[in-house]
């Protein structure tokens, strides 16, 4: 019997759904601030690497923003 065998699957699913809803609300309310932080971090990383990895940094930020857009369960496209 493993450690996780003690937990009720329905209870775990309920807690996970609640956490996802809270995360979706947070991303919906603060998505613009999160996106701005991603842009700021990308600019800092680009500056530190001297633009050497600009395309990879830009690609990573775009994927992160797409992920945030999926998390908030709305198709409102983050900036």
Protein backbone atom coordinates (compact mmCIF):
# COMPACT_ATOMS: atom_id res chain seq x y z
CA UNK A 1 0.00 0.00 0.00
CA UNK A 2 1.52 3.26 -1.13
CA UNK A 3 1.28 6.65 0.50
CA UNK A 4 -1.22 7.99 -2.04
CA UNK A 5 -3.51 4.98 -1.73
CA UNK A 6 -4.94 6.56 1.43
CA UNK A 7 -6.40 9.51 -0.47
CA UNK A 8 -9.86 9.56 -1.98
CA UNK A 9 -9.68 10.19 -5.74
CA UNK A 10 -12.90 12.22 -5.75
CA UNK A 11 -11.56 14.50 -3.03
CA UNK A 12 -8.29 14.98 -4.91
CA UNK A 13 -10.19 15.83 -8.11
CA UNK A 14 -12.33 18.35 -6.22
CA UNK A 15 -9.28 20.07 -4.70
CA UNK A 16 -7.52 20.12 -8.09
CA UNK A 17 -10.60 21.68 -9.73
CA UNK A 18 -10.75 24.34 -7.01
CA UNK A 19 -7.05 25.13 -7.48
CA UNK A 20 -7.50 25.40 -11.25
CA UNK A 21 -10.44 27.77 -10.78
CA UNK A 22 -8.42 29.98 -8.42
CA UNK A 23 -5.53 30.01 -10.86
CA UNK A 24 -7.85 30.86 -13.75
CA UNK A 25 -9.31 33.76 -11.74
CA UNK A 26 -5.85 35.06 -10.84
CA UNK A 27 -4.68 34.89 -14.46
CA UNK A 28 -7.87 36.59 -15.64
CA UNK A 29 -7.50 39.43 -13.12
CA UNK A 30 -3.74 39.90 -13.41
CA UNK A 31 -2.91 38.53 -16.85
CA UNK A 32 -1.71 41.89 -18.13
CA UNK A 33 0.71 42.24 -15.20
CA UNK A 34 1.97 38.69 -15.71
CA UNK A 35 2.47 39.32 -19.42
CA UNK A 36 4.30 42.54 -18.63
CA UNK A 37 6.57 40.64 -16.26
CA UNK A 38 7.30 38.08 -18.94
CA UNK A 39 8.21 40.86 -21.37
CA UNK A 40 10.42 42.54 -18.80
CA UNK A 41 12.19 39.26 -17.98
CA UNK A 42 12.66 38.56 -21.68
CA UNK A 43 14.18 41.99 -22.24
CA UNK A 44 16.59 41.45 -19.32
CA UNK A 45 17.58 38.00 -20.59
CA UNK A 46 18.02 39.35 -24.10
CA UNK A 47 20.23 42.15 -22.80
CA UNK A 48 22.36 39.78 -20.69
CA UNK A 49 22.93 37.46 -23.63
CA UNK A 50 23.65 40.34 -25.97
CA UNK A 51 20.80 39.38 -28.29
CA UNK A 52 22.51 36.08 -29.02
CA UNK A 53 19.39 34.06 -28.08
CA UNK A 54 16.73 36.61 -29.02
CA UNK A 55 14.72 34.21 -31.16
CA UNK A 56 14.60 31.52 -28.45
CA UNK A 57 13.66 34.05 -25.76
CA UNK A 58 10.89 35.47 -27.93
CA UNK A 59 9.62 31.98 -28.69
CA UNK A 60 9.60 31.07 -24.99
CA UNK A 61 7.68 34.20 -24.04
CA UNK A 62 5.11 33.53 -26.76
CA UNK A 63 4.57 29.98 -25.50
CA UNK A 64 4.27 31.20 -21.91
CA UNK A 65 1.65 33.77 -22.94
CA UNK A 66 -0.26 31.12 -24.90
CA UNK A 67 -0.24 28.94 -21.78
CA UNK A 68 -1.55 31.80 -19.66
CA UNK A 69 -4.28 32.45 -22.19
CA UNK A 70 -5.36 28.81 -21.97
CA UNK A 71 -5.29 28.91 -18.16
CA UNK A 72 -7.79 31.72 -17.81
CA UNK A 73 -10.35 29.73 -19.84
CA UNK A 74 -11.21 32.77 -21.95
CA UNK A 75 -10.10 33.64 -25.43
CA UNK A 76 -9.13 37.22 -24.67
CA UNK A 77 -5.52 37.02 -25.88
CA UNK A 78 -3.07 38.42 -23.39
CA UNK A 79 -0.98 41.34 -24.63
